[in-house]
Amino acid sequence: MTLLAIERLEGRHGLLRAFQDFTLDVAEGEKIALVGANGAGKTMLLRTLAGVHPASRGRIMLDGIDVTALPGHRRAALGMALVPEGRCLFASMSVEENLRVAESAGRTGHWNLETVLDALPQLRPKLRAPASTLSGGQQQAVAIGRALITNPRVLLLDEVSLGLSPLAVQSVYDSLERLFSSGTTIVLVEQDLQRATSVANRVVCMLEGRIVAVGRAGEMSRDEILDHYFGHRHRSAAHG
């Protein structure tokens, strides 16, 4: 069953099109890896899906409901959550306060403060600490925990490993392991192709704001993905 339907979506930075004509159906429980070089439009796409940035055209359907014009907090209440690039925590607020902000979405389910702390135990001794005092990996864990407390049906993960040490990246992905094996629908933007393809069902390759390839994660080789990633296949076709 399609849970998230994206129909000819377009997003702009002023007059500049960040992505265009983006069409994709995401089934309930599916894990999508969205890959492409810097500037391909991936982050803007996730921000547009979450309601952080308005769509300039197209439609976003969440479980049959048109959410294209809804603000971000309304989408969160319907089950859409974003873990943004750069984490975007409230620096002066405590870890607990940052997590409890998500309770305002008003959704009930498995995830609450206690279950998040069970899944992200590194945060339990830091509950009273200001978010600004945490390491990068700990801050990323807070951002993930905050999204989980909304009990999302669709979780958008934007570059969760960005700027982290290899040890911190492994810790973050260890924490996400339970989530990846659950029924939560996930759209993941991740520069580490090995990690992205290891957790995804499908890979969507973007180039200059457009989808250029879609395939099952186990059926697309790394070289094939990289060819799409850098546009080699498309340049070759154009000159063939």
Protein backbone atom coordinates (compact mmCIF):
# COMPACT_ATOMS: atom_id res chain seq x y z
CA MET A 1 0.00 0.00 0.00
CA THR A 2 1.33 3.42 -0.94
CA LEU A 3 1.80 5.57 2.16
CA LEU A 4 3.64 8.53 0.64
CA ALA A 5 2.85 9.66 -2.90
CA ILE A 6 4.94 12.47 -4.40
CA GLU A 7 3.54 13.80 -7.66
CA ARG A 8 5.56 16.08 -9.99
CA LEU A 9 6.92 18.00 -7.03
CA GLU A 10 9.08 21.07 -7.52
CA GLY A 11 11.05 23.14 -4.99
CA ARG A 12 12.86 26.43 -5.52
CA HIS A 13 15.46 28.64 -3.90
CA GLY A 14 14.06 31.93 -5.16
CA LEU A 15 14.34 31.71 -8.96
CA LEU A 16 16.61 28.65 -8.82
CA ARG A 17 14.93 25.25 -9.11
CA ALA A 18 16.39 22.89 -6.50
CA PHE A 19 14.45 19.90 -7.84
CA GLN A 20 11.65 19.42 -10.35
CA ASP A 21 9.17 16.88 -11.68
CA PHE A 22 9.90 14.58 -8.72
CA THR A 23 7.43 11.68 -8.74
CA LEU A 24 7.71 8.69 -6.42
CA ASP A 25 5.39 6.30 -4.59
CA VAL A 26 6.69 4.98 -1.27
CA ALA A 27 5.01 1.90 0.18
CA GLU A 28 4.22 1.57 3.87
CA GLY A 29 7.25 0.11 5.64
CA GLU A 30 9.58 0.75 2.71
CA LYS A 31 13.10 2.13 3.20
CA ILE A 32 14.24 4.51 0.44
CA ALA A 33 17.84 5.70 0.04
CA LEU A 34 17.99 9.01 -1.80
CA VAL A 35 21.46 9.51 -3.25
CA GLY A 36 23.17 12.13 -5.39
CA ALA A 37 26.03 14.61 -5.39
CA ASN A 38 25.93 17.87 -3.44
CA GLY A 39 23.44 20.22 -5.07
CA ALA A 40 21.26 17.42 -6.45
CA GLY A 41 18.27 18.71 -4.45
CA LYS A 42 18.04 15.99 -1.80
CA THR A 43 17.94 18.18 1.32
CA MET A 44 15.48 20.64 -0.23
CA LEU A 45 13.27 17.70 -1.19
CA LEU A 46 13.15 16.39 2.39
CA ARG A 47 12.51 19.90 3.74
CA THR A 48 9.67 20.30 1.25
CA LEU A 49 8.14 16.95 2.22
CA ALA A 50 8.29 17.91 5.90
CA GLY A 51 6.70 21.31 5.32
CA VAL A 52 9.77 23.35 6.23
CA HIS A 53 9.93 24.74 2.69
CA PRO A 54 6.89 25.31 0.44
CA ALA A 55 6.46 23.40 -2.81
CA SER A 56 6.31 25.60 -5.89
CA ARG A 57 4.24 22.99 -7.72
CA GLY A 58 3.14 19.36 -7.48
CA ARG A 59 1.45 17.39 -4.74
CA ILE A 60 2.36 15.43 -1.59
CA MET A 61 -0.10 12.78 -0.41
CA LEU A 62 0.31 11.13 3.00
CA ASP A 63 -1.92 8.09 3.40
CA GLY A 64 -4.40 9.56 0.95
CA ILE A 65 -4.41 13.05 2.50
CA ASP A 66 -3.14 15.98 0.48
CA VAL A 67 -0.61 17.67 2.79
CA THR A 68 1.02 19.92 0.18
CA ALA A 69 -0.31 23.14 1.68
CA LEU A 70 -0.18 22.08 5.34
CA PRO A 71 2.41 23.61 7.70
CA GLY A 72 5.08 21.39 9.22
CA HIS A 73 3.38 20.92 12.61
CA ARG A 74 0.22 19.66 10.90
CA ARG A 75 2.26 17.15 8.91
CA ALA A 76 3.98 16.03 12.11
CA ALA A 77 0.56 15.45 13.66
CA LEU A 78 -0.33 13.26 10.67
CA GLY A 79 2.88 11.24 11.02
CA MET A 80 5.65 12.95 9.03
CA ALA A 81 8.92 13.67 10.89
CA LEU A 82 12.25 15.10 9.76
CA VAL A 83 15.70 14.63 11.28
CA PRO A 84 17.28 17.66 9.59
CA GLU A 85 20.79 18.09 8.31
CA GLY A 86 22.72 19.96 11.02
CA ARG A 87 20.38 18.62 13.75
CA CYS A 88 18.75 22.03 14.52
CA LEU A 89 18.49 21.57 18.29
CA PHE A 90 17.57 24.27 20.80
CA ALA A 91 21.11 24.86 22.05
CA SER A 92 20.30 26.43 25.43
CA MET A 93 17.58 23.91 26.30
CA SER A 94 18.32 20.64 28.05
CA VAL A 95 18.29 17.29 26.28
CA GLU A 96 15.01 16.41 27.99
CA GLU A 97 13.43 19.70 26.93
CA ASN A 98 14.56 19.16 23.34
CA LEU A 99 12.99 15.70 23.37
CA ARG A 100 9.74 16.78 25.01
CA VAL A 101 9.19 19.47 22.39
CA ALA A 102 8.15 16.62 20.09
CA GLU A 103 5.27 15.64 22.38
CA SER A 104 3.36 18.62 20.97
CA ALA A 105 2.72 16.59 17.81
CA GLY A 106 0.11 14.79 19.89
CA ARG A 107 0.68 11.34 18.42
CA THR A 108 0.66 8.26 20.62
CA GLY A 109 2.43 4.99 20.00
CA HIS A 110 5.50 3.01 21.01
CA TRP A 111 7.83 5.98 21.25
CA ASN A 112 7.90 8.21 24.34
CA LEU A 113 10.67 9.66 26.48
CA GLU A 114 11.40 6.36 28.22
CA THR A 115 11.42 4.15 25.13
CA VAL A 116 13.63 6.68 23.30
CA LEU A 117 16.08 6.65 26.21
CA ASP A 118 16.06 2.86 26.13
CA ALA A 119 16.92 2.96 22.42
CA LEU A 120 19.44 5.81 22.84
CA PRO A 121 20.95 5.04 26.27
CA GLN A 122 23.82 7.50 25.76
CA LEU A 123 21.29 10.29 26.36
CA ARG A 124 20.05 9.16 29.77
CA PRO A 125 22.98 10.63 31.76
CA LYS A 126 22.74 13.83 29.70
CA LEU A 127 19.08 14.65 30.25
CA ARG A 128 19.75 17.83 32.24
CA ALA A 129 22.67 18.98 30.08
CA PRO A 130 22.20 21.82 27.58
CA ALA A 131 22.19 20.50 24.02
CA SER A 132 25.10 22.82 23.18
CA THR A 133 27.41 20.86 25.52
CA LEU A 134 26.93 17.51 23.77
CA SER A 135 29.24 15.86 21.27
CA GLY A 136 28.17 15.71 17.63
CA GLY A 137 27.08 12.10 17.96
CA GLN A 138 25.05 12.84 21.08
CA GLN A 139 23.37 15.80 19.39
CA GLN A 140 22.45 13.59 16.46
CA ALA A 141 20.95 11.08 18.87
CA VAL A 142 18.82 13.86 20.38
CA ALA A 143 17.61 14.88 16.91
CA ILE A 144 16.68 11.28 16.13
CA GLY A 145 14.99 10.83 19.50
CA ARG A 146 13.00 14.03 19.03
CA ALA A 147 11.66 12.74 15.71
CA LEU A 148 10.83 9.33 17.17
CA ILE A 149 8.74 10.84 19.98
CA THR A 150 6.34 12.12 17.31
CA ASN A 151 5.68 8.41 16.50
CA PRO A 152 6.16 8.99 12.78
CA ARG A 153 4.70 6.88 10.02
CA VAL A 154 7.21 8.44 7.61
CA LEU A 155 10.66 9.37 8.93
CA LEU A 156 12.89 11.60 6.81
CA LEU A 157 16.58 11.26 7.74
CA ASP A 158 18.90 13.87 6.26
CA GLU A 159 22.64 13.12 6.45
CA VAL A 160 22.63 11.67 9.96
CA SER A 161 26.35 10.84 9.67
CA LEU A 162 27.43 14.29 8.44
CA GLY A 163 30.38 15.72 10.34
CA LEU A 164 30.64 12.82 12.78
CA SER A 165 33.64 10.66 13.59
CA PRO A 166 33.52 7.04 12.34
CA LEU A 167 32.90 5.87 15.91
CA ALA A 168 30.01 8.32 16.34
CA VAL A 169 28.54 7.29 12.98
CA GLN A 170 28.60 3.65 14.03
CA SER A 171 26.91 4.55 17.32
CA VAL A 172 24.16 6.46 15.49
CA TYR A 173 23.52 3.60 13.07
CA ASP A 174 23.55 1.05 15.90
CA SER A 175 20.82 3.14 17.54
CA LEU A 176 18.85 3.21 14.29
CA GLU A 177 19.09 -0.56 13.74
CA ARG A 178 15.84 -1.26 15.58
CA LEU A 179 14.11 1.46 13.59
CA PHE A 180 15.34 0.13 10.24
CA SER A 181 13.98 -3.31 11.10
CA SER A 182 10.61 -1.89 12.16
CA GLY A 183 7.61 -1.04 10.02
CA THR A 184 8.40 2.67 9.93
CA THR A 185 8.62 4.08 6.42
CA ILE A 186 11.97 5.82 5.96
CA VAL A 187 13.43 8.14 3.34
CA LEU A 188 17.16 8.39 3.96
CA VAL A 189 19.65 10.87 2.49
CA GLU A 190 23.16 9.56 3.14
CA GLN A 191 26.50 10.20 1.38
CA ASP A 192 27.90 6.85 2.57
CA LEU A 193 26.62 4.60 -0.20
CA GLN A 194 27.51 1.40 1.61
CA ARG A 195 25.44 2.35 4.63
CA ALA A 196 22.60 3.70 2.51
CA THR A 197 22.29 0.57 0.37
CA SER A 198 22.66 -1.76 3.37
CA VAL A 199 19.50 -0.42 5.04
CA ALA A 200 17.36 0.50 2.01
CA ASN A 201 14.92 -1.53 -0.07
CA ARG A 202 15.19 0.86 -3.01
CA VAL A 203 17.72 3.43 -4.20
CA VAL A 204 16.63 6.65 -5.89
CA CYS A 205 19.43 8.50 -7.71
CA MET A 206 19.11 12.25 -8.23
CA LEU A 207 21.09 14.44 -10.60
CA GLU A 208 20.63 18.19 -10.94
CA GLY A 209 17.21 18.12 -9.31
CA ARG A 210 15.73 15.16 -11.18
CA ILE A 211 15.36 11.44 -10.64
CA VAL A 212 17.70 9.68 -13.07
CA ALA A 213 17.46 6.08 -11.79
CA VAL A 214 15.42 3.96 -9.38
CA GLY A 215 16.22 0.38 -8.50
CA ARG A 216 16.20 -2.31 -5.84
CA ALA A 217 19.12 -1.82 -3.46
CA GLY A 218 20.41 -5.36 -3.96
CA GLU A 219 20.22 -5.11 -7.74
CA MET A 220 22.17 -1.87 -8.32
CA SER A 221 25.94 -2.14 -8.12
CA ARG A 222 28.03 0.56 -6.48
CA ASP A 223 29.57 1.43 -9.86
CA GLU A 224 26.13 1.76 -11.44
CA ILE A 225 24.93 4.04 -8.64
CA LEU A 226 28.08 6.17 -8.91
CA ASP A 227 27.64 6.46 -12.67
CA HIS A 228 24.16 7.88 -12.09
CA TYR A 229 25.39 9.89 -9.10
CA PHE A 230 27.93 11.81 -11.20
CA GLY A 231 25.92 11.79 -14.42
CA HIS A 232 28.36 9.65 -16.40
CA ARG A 233 25.65 7.45 -17.93
CA HIS A 234 23.54 10.42 -18.93
CA ARG A 235 26.42 12.33 -20.51
CA SER A 236 27.41 9.20 -22.43
CA ALA A 237 23.81 8.76 -23.66
CA ALA A 238 23.65 12.42 -24.72
CA HIS A 239 26.82 12.03 -26.83
CA GLY A 240 26.03 8.55 -28.11
